[in-house]
Amino acid sequence: LINKQRATLALEPLAWSDEVAKIARL
């Protein structure tokens, strides 16, 4: 959903990172 919002402004999509997700998930 967030990458769809970025696409509306022609921004590059964010790349999903499992490493970063672990920080967020904890």
PDB file of all heavy atoms in Angstrom:
ATOM      1  N   LEU A   1       0.824  -1.206   0.000  1.00  0.00           N
ATOM      2  CA  LEU A   1       0.000   0.000   0.000  1.00  0.00           C
ATOM      3  C   LEU A   1       0.860   1.258   0.000  1.00  0.00           C
ATOM      4  O   LEU A   1       0.546   2.245  -0.676  1.00  0.00           O
ATOM      5  CB  LEU A   1      -0.931   0.008   1.219  1.00  0.00           C
ATOM      6  CG  LEU A   1      -2.102  -0.975   1.199  1.00  0.00           C
ATOM      7  CD1 LEU A   1      -2.829  -0.944   2.536  1.00  0.00           C
ATOM      8  CD2 LEU A   1      -3.065  -0.639   0.063  1.00  0.00           C
ATOM      9  N   ILE A   2       1.958   1.208   0.728  1.00  0.00           N
ATOM     10  CA  ILE A   2       2.865   2.355   0.782  1.00  0.00           C
ATOM     11  C   ILE A   2       3.563   2.562  -0.561  1.00  0.00           C
ATOM     12  O   ILE A   2       3.693   3.695  -1.046  1.00  0.00           O
ATOM     13  CB  ILE A   2       3.882   2.170   1.924  1.00  0.00           C
ATOM     14  CG1 ILE A   2       3.167   2.299   3.272  1.00  0.00           C
ATOM     15  CG2 ILE A   2       5.025   3.176   1.824  1.00  0.00           C
ATOM     16  CD1 ILE A   2       3.952   1.803   4.444  1.00  0.00           C
ATOM     17  N   ASN A   3       3.998   1.485  -1.184  1.00  0.00           N
ATOM     18  CA  ASN A   3       4.632   1.614  -2.495  1.00  0.00           C
ATOM     19  C   ASN A   3       3.644   2.111  -3.556  1.00  0.00           C
ATOM     20  O   ASN A   3       4.041   2.799  -4.504  1.00  0.00           O
ATOM     21  CB  ASN A   3       5.264   0.296  -2.919  1.00  0.00           C
ATOM     22  CG  ASN A   3       6.719   0.189  -2.471  1.00  0.00           C
ATOM     23  OD1 ASN A   3       7.387   1.180  -2.223  1.00  0.00           O
ATOM     24  ND2 ASN A   3       7.205  -1.034  -2.365  1.00  0.00           N
ATOM     25  N   LYS A   4       2.373   1.789  -3.398  1.00  0.00           N
ATOM     26  CA  LYS A   4       1.368   2.327  -4.315  1.00  0.00           C
ATOM     27  C   LYS A   4       1.259   3.848  -4.156  1.00  0.00           C
ATOM     28  O   LYS A   4       1.080   4.571  -5.145  1.00  0.00           O
ATOM     29  CB  LYS A   4       0.010   1.668  -4.059  1.00  0.00           C
ATOM     30  CG  LYS A   4      -0.097   0.249  -4.579  1.00  0.00           C
ATOM     31  CD  LYS A   4      -1.486  -0.320  -4.334  1.00  0.00           C
ATOM     32  CE  LYS A   4      -1.592  -1.742  -4.874  1.00  0.00           C
ATOM     33  NZ  LYS A   4      -2.942  -2.332  -4.632  1.00  0.00           N
ATOM     34  N   GLN A   5       1.364   4.312  -2.918  1.00  0.00           N
ATOM     35  CA  GLN A   5       1.335   5.755  -2.680  1.00  0.00           C
ATOM     36  C   GLN A   5       2.547   6.422  -3.319  1.00  0.00           C
ATOM     37  O   GLN A   5       2.449   7.504  -3.903  1.00  0.00           O
ATOM     38  CB  GLN A   5       1.302   6.042  -1.172  1.00  0.00           C
ATOM     39  CG  GLN A   5       0.042   5.596  -0.463  1.00  0.00           C
ATOM     40  CD  GLN A   5      -1.174   6.435  -0.844  1.00  0.00           C
ATOM     41  OE1 GLN A   5      -1.046   7.536  -1.374  1.00  0.00           O
ATOM     42  NE2 GLN A   5      -2.358   5.914  -0.565  1.00  0.00           N
ATOM     43  N   ARG A   6       3.706   5.785  -3.230  1.00  0.00           N
ATOM     44  CA  ARG A   6       4.910   6.334  -3.850  1.00  0.00           C
ATOM     45  C   ARG A   6       4.785   6.350  -5.373  1.00  0.00           C
ATOM     46  O   ARG A   6       5.245   7.284  -6.043  1.00  0.00           O
ATOM     47  CB  ARG A   6       6.133   5.511  -3.418  1.00  0.00           C
ATOM     48  CG  ARG A   6       6.486   5.663  -1.946  1.00  0.00           C
ATOM     49  CD  ARG A   6       7.631   4.740  -1.548  1.00  0.00           C
ATOM     50  NE  ARG A   6       8.891   5.094  -2.190  1.00  0.00           N
ATOM     51  CZ  ARG A   6       9.778   5.962  -1.703  1.00  0.00           C
ATOM     52  NH1 ARG A   6       9.531   6.590  -0.549  1.00  0.00           N
ATOM     53  NH2 ARG A   6      10.902   6.205  -2.337  1.00  0.00           N
ATOM     54  N   ALA A   7       4.142   5.338  -5.928  1.00  0.00           N
ATOM     55  CA  ALA A   7       3.995   5.251  -7.373  1.00  0.00           C
ATOM     56  C   ALA A   7       3.157   6.398  -7.927  1.00  0.00           C
ATOM     57  O   ALA A   7       3.380   6.846  -9.054  1.00  0.00           O
ATOM     58  CB  ALA A   7       3.371   3.913  -7.757  1.00  0.00           C
ATOM     59  N   THR A   8       2.200   6.878  -7.148  1.00  0.00           N
ATOM     60  CA  THR A   8       1.363   7.984  -7.622  1.00  0.00           C
ATOM     61  C   THR A   8       2.174   9.254  -7.843  1.00  0.00           C
ATOM     62  O   THR A   8       1.752  10.139  -8.587  1.00  0.00           O
ATOM     63  CB  THR A   8       0.231   8.282  -6.619  1.00  0.00           C
ATOM     64  OG1 THR A   8       0.795   8.671  -5.354  1.00  0.00           O
ATOM     65  CG2 THR A   8      -0.662   7.062  -6.426  1.00  0.00           C
ATOM     66  N   LEU A   9       3.352   9.338  -7.193  1.00  0.00           N
ATOM     67  CA  LEU A   9       4.224  10.505  -7.364  1.00  0.00           C
ATOM     68  C   LEU A   9       5.458  10.154  -8.192  1.00  0.00           C
ATOM     69  O   LEU A   9       6.438  10.906  -8.195  1.00  0.00           O
ATOM     70  CB  LEU A   9       4.649  11.046  -5.996  1.00  0.00           C
ATOM     71  CG  LEU A   9       3.521  11.586  -5.110  1.00  0.00           C
ATOM     72  CD1 LEU A   9       4.074  12.050  -3.761  1.00  0.00           C
ATOM     73  CD2 LEU A   9       2.787  12.721  -5.806  1.00  0.00           C
ATOM     74  N   ALA A  10       5.400   9.021  -8.858  1.00  0.00           N
ATOM     75  CA  ALA A  10       6.505   8.565  -9.716  1.00  0.00           C
ATOM     76  C   ALA A  10       7.802   8.387  -8.933  1.00  0.00           C
ATOM     77  O   ALA A  10       8.891   8.564  -9.472  1.00  0.00           O
ATOM     78  CB  ALA A  10       6.714   9.535 -10.880  1.00  0.00           C
ATOM     79  N   LEU A  11       7.682   7.992  -7.652  1.00  0.00           N
ATOM     80  CA  LEU A  11       8.855   7.716  -6.831  1.00  0.00           C
ATOM     81  C   LEU A  11       9.253   6.251  -6.977  1.00  0.00           C
ATOM     82  O   LEU A  11       8.410   5.384  -7.216  1.00  0.00           O
ATOM     83  CB  LEU A  11       8.561   8.017  -5.356  1.00  0.00           C
ATOM     84  CG  LEU A  11       8.297   9.482  -4.992  1.00  0.00           C
ATOM     85  CD1 LEU A  11       7.785   9.571  -3.559  1.00  0.00           C
ATOM     86  CD2 LEU A  11       9.560  10.311  -5.159  1.00  0.00           C
ATOM     87  N   GLU A  12      10.535   5.987  -6.824  1.00  0.00           N
ATOM     88  CA  GLU A  12      11.005   4.607  -6.854  1.00  0.00           C
ATOM     89  C   GLU A  12      10.393   3.832  -5.686  1.00  0.00           C
ATOM     90  O   GLU A  12      10.279   4.362  -4.574  1.00  0.00           O
ATOM     91  CB  GLU A  12      12.529   4.564  -6.749  1.00  0.00           C
ATOM     92  CG  GLU A  12      13.249   5.050  -7.990  1.00  0.00           C
ATOM     93  CD  GLU A  12      13.033   4.119  -9.179  1.00  0.00           C
ATOM     94  OE1 GLU A  12      12.989   2.887  -8.957  1.00  0.00           O
ATOM     95  OE2 GLU A  12      12.899   4.626 -10.300  1.00  0.00           O
ATOM     96  N   PRO A  13       9.984   2.589  -5.916  1.00  0.00           N
ATOM     97  CA  PRO A  13       9.426   1.799  -4.815  1.00  0.00           C
ATOM     98  C   PRO A  13      10.496   1.475  -3.783  1.00  0.00           C
ATOM     99  O   PRO A  13      11.674   1.328  -4.114  1.00  0.00           O
ATOM    100  CB  PRO A  13       8.923   0.530  -5.502  1.00  0.00           C
ATOM    101  CG  PRO A  13       9.760   0.409  -6.738  1.00  0.00           C
ATOM    102  CD  PRO A  13      10.022   1.825  -7.187  1.00  0.00           C
ATOM    103  N   LEU A  14      10.074   1.381  -2.540  1.00  0.00           N
ATOM    104  CA  LEU A  14      10.989   0.945  -1.490  1.00  0.00           C
ATOM    105  C   LEU A  14      11.280  -0.543  -1.674  1.00  0.00           C
ATOM    106  O   LEU A  14      10.402  -1.311  -2.055  1.00  0.00           O
ATOM    107  CB  LEU A  14      10.361   1.184  -0.118  1.00  0.00           C
ATOM    108  CG  LEU A  14      10.138   2.640   0.294  1.00  0.00           C
ATOM    109  CD1 LEU A  14       9.249   2.711   1.530  1.00  0.00           C
ATOM    110  CD2 LEU A  14      11.463   3.343   0.532  1.00  0.00           C
ATOM    111  N   ALA A  15      12.499  -0.940  -1.403  1.00  0.00           N
ATOM    112  CA  ALA A  15      12.864  -2.356  -1.470  1.00  0.00           C
ATOM    113  C   ALA A  15      12.632  -2.991  -0.099  1.00  0.00           C
ATOM    114  O   ALA A  15      13.072  -2.454   0.922  1.00  0.00           O
ATOM    115  CB  ALA A  15      14.327  -2.505  -1.891  1.00  0.00           C
ATOM    116  N   TRP A  16      11.922  -4.098  -0.080  1.00  0.00           N
ATOM    117  CA  TRP A  16      11.688  -4.807   1.182  1.00  0.00           C
ATOM    118  C   TRP A  16      12.993  -5.422   1.670  1.00  0.00           C
ATOM    119  O   TRP A  16      13.727  -6.056   0.918  1.00  0.00           O
ATOM    120  CB  TRP A  16      10.645  -5.897   1.005  1.00  0.00           C
ATOM    121  CG  TRP A  16      10.451  -6.732   2.236  1.00  0.00           C
ATOM    122  CD1 TRP A  16      11.127  -7.862   2.592  1.00  0.00           C
ATOM    123  CD2 TRP A  16       9.526  -6.480   3.299  1.00  0.00           C
ATOM    124  NE1 TRP A  16      10.683  -8.340   3.796  1.00  0.00           N
ATOM    125  CE2 TRP A  16       9.699  -7.512   4.259  1.00  0.00           C
ATOM    126  CE3 TRP A  16       8.573  -5.498   3.538  1.00  0.00           C
ATOM    127  CZ2 TRP A  16       8.941  -7.578   5.420  1.00  0.00           C
ATOM    128  CZ3 TRP A  16       7.813  -5.570   4.701  1.00  0.00           C
ATOM    129  CH2 TRP A  16       8.006  -6.591   5.624  1.00  0.00           C
ATOM    130  N   SER A  17      13.288  -5.232   2.961  1.00  0.00           N
ATOM    131  CA  SER A  17      14.486  -5.804   3.566  1.00  0.00           C
ATOM    132  C   SER A  17      14.079  -6.665   4.749  1.00  0.00           C
ATOM    133  O   SER A  17      13.452  -6.174   5.699  1.00  0.00           O
ATOM    134  CB  SER A  17      15.435  -4.691   4.040  1.00  0.00           C
ATOM    135  OG  SER A  17      16.463  -5.225   4.854  1.00  0.00           O
ATOM    136  N   ASP A  18      14.426  -7.956   4.691  1.00  0.00           N
ATOM    137  CA  ASP A  18      14.132  -8.838   5.816  1.00  0.00           C
ATOM    138  C   ASP A  18      14.891  -8.399   7.066  1.00  0.00           C
ATOM    139  O   ASP A  18      14.391  -8.534   8.188  1.00  0.00           O
ATOM    140  CB  ASP A  18      14.503 -10.279   5.465  1.00  0.00           C
ATOM    141  CG  ASP A  18      13.527 -10.909   4.488  1.00  0.00           C
ATOM    142  OD1 ASP A  18      12.349 -10.492   4.468  1.00  0.00           O
ATOM    143  OD2 ASP A  18      13.939 -11.807   3.730  1.00  0.00           O
ATOM    144  N   GLU A  19      16.109  -7.891   6.871  1.00  0.00           N
ATOM    145  CA  GLU A  19      16.906  -7.411   8.009  1.00  0.00           C
ATOM    146  C   GLU A  19      16.212  -6.257   8.712  1.00  0.00           C
ATOM    147  O   GLU A  19      16.096  -6.228   9.943  1.00  0.00           O
ATOM    148  CB  GLU A  19      18.282  -6.941   7.525  1.00  0.00           C
ATOM    149  CG  GLU A  19      19.266  -8.030   7.185  1.00  0.00           C
ATOM    150  CD  GLU A  19      20.613  -7.443   6.827  1.00  0.00           C
ATOM    151  OE1 GLU A  19      20.677  -6.637   5.886  1.00  0.00           O
ATOM    152  OE2 GLU A  19      21.594  -7.774   7.511  1.00  0.00           O
ATOM    153  N   VAL A  20      15.746  -5.289   7.926  1.00  0.00           N
ATOM    154  CA  VAL A  20      15.081  -4.118   8.487  1.00  0.00           C
ATOM    155  C   VAL A  20      13.745  -4.514   9.097  1.00  0.00           C
ATOM    156  O   VAL A  20      13.342  -3.997  10.140  1.00  0.00           O
ATOM    157  CB  VAL A  20      14.904  -3.035   7.405  1.00  0.00           C
ATOM    158  CG1 VAL A  20      14.141  -1.830   7.960  1.00  0.00           C
ATOM    159  CG2 VAL A  20      16.266  -2.584   6.875  1.00  0.00           C
ATOM    160  N   ALA A  21      13.049  -5.462   8.468  1.00  0.00           N
ATOM    161  CA  ALA A  21      11.763  -5.915   8.994  1.00  0.00           C
ATOM    162  C   ALA A  21      11.917  -6.550  10.375  1.00  0.00           C
ATOM    163  O   ALA A  21      11.032  -6.424  11.226  1.00  0.00           O
ATOM    164  CB  ALA A  21      11.122  -6.901   8.026  1.00  0.00           C
ATOM    165  N   LYS A  22      13.040  -7.226  10.622  1.00  0.00           N
ATOM    166  CA  LYS A  22      13.274  -7.827  11.934  1.00  0.00           C
ATOM    167  C   LYS A  22      13.359  -6.759  13.022  1.00  0.00           C
ATOM    168  O   LYS A  22      12.884  -6.955  14.137  1.00  0.00           O
ATOM    169  CB  LYS A  22      14.556  -8.659  11.905  1.00  0.00           C
ATOM    170  CG  LYS A  22      14.442  -9.956  11.120  1.00  0.00           C
ATOM    171  CD  LYS A  22      15.756 -10.712  11.101  1.00  0.00           C
ATOM    172  CE  LYS A  22      15.659 -11.996  10.288  1.00  0.00           C
ATOM    173  NZ  LYS A  22      16.964 -12.707  10.231  1.00  0.00           N
ATOM    174  N   ILE A  23      13.995  -5.636  12.687  1.00  0.00           N
ATOM    175  CA  ILE A  23      14.079  -4.530  13.646  1.00  0.00           C
ATOM    176  C   ILE A  23      12.684  -4.016  13.965  1.00  0.00           C
ATOM    177  O   ILE A  23      12.317  -3.821  15.132  1.00  0.00           O
ATOM    178  CB  ILE A  23      14.936  -3.379  13.063  1.00  0.00           C
ATOM    179  CG1 ILE A  23      16.339  -3.858  12.730  1.00  0.00           C
ATOM    180  CG2 ILE A  23      14.992  -2.201  14.037  1.00  0.00           C
ATOM    181  CD1 ILE A  23      17.150  -2.832  11.956  1.00  0.00           C
ATOM    182  N   ALA A  24      11.891  -3.799  12.895  1.00  0.00           N
ATOM    183  CA  ALA A  24      10.531  -3.283  13.065  1.00  0.00           C
ATOM    184  C   ALA A  24       9.653  -4.272  13.819  1.00  0.00           C
ATOM    185  O   ALA A  24       8.882  -3.902  14.712  1.00  0.00           O
ATOM    186  CB  ALA A  24       9.939  -2.970  11.694  1.00  0.00           C
ATOM    187  N   ARG A  25       9.780  -5.548  13.469  1.00  0.00           N
ATOM    188  CA  ARG A  25       8.931  -6.584  14.063  1.00  0.00           C
ATOM    189  C   ARG A  25       9.199  -6.727  15.559  1.00  0.00           C
ATOM    190  O   ARG A  25       8.267  -6.875  16.364  1.00  0.00           O
ATOM    191  CB  ARG A  25       9.171  -7.911  13.348  1.00  0.00           C
ATOM    192  CG  ARG A  25       8.129  -8.968  13.630  1.00  0.00           C
ATOM    193  CD  ARG A  25       8.356 -10.179  12.733  1.00  0.00           C
ATOM    194  NE  ARG A  25       8.165  -9.845  11.319  1.00  0.00           N
ATOM    195  CZ  ARG A  25       9.060 -10.076  10.376  1.00  0.00           C
ATOM    196  NH1 ARG A  25      10.224 -10.641  10.671  1.00  0.00           N
ATOM    197  NH2 ARG A  25       8.803  -9.749   9.130  1.00  0.00           N
ATOM    198  N   LEU A  26      10.464  -6.680  15.948  1.00  0.00           N
ATOM    199  CA  LEU A  26      10.812  -6.807  17.368  1.00  0.00           C
ATOM    200  C   LEU A  26      10.166  -5.685  18.178  1.00  0.00           C
ATOM    201  O   LEU A  26       9.615  -5.923  19.261  1.00  0.00           O
ATOM    202  CB  LEU A  26      12.326  -6.764  17.544  1.00  0.00           C
ATOM    203  CG  LEU A  26      12.819  -6.726  18.994  1.00  0.00           C
ATOM    204  CD1 LEU A  26      12.475  -8.034  19.710  1.00  0.00           C
ATOM    205  CD2 LEU A  26      14.323  -6.473  19.055  1.00  0.00           C
TER     206      LEU A  26
END
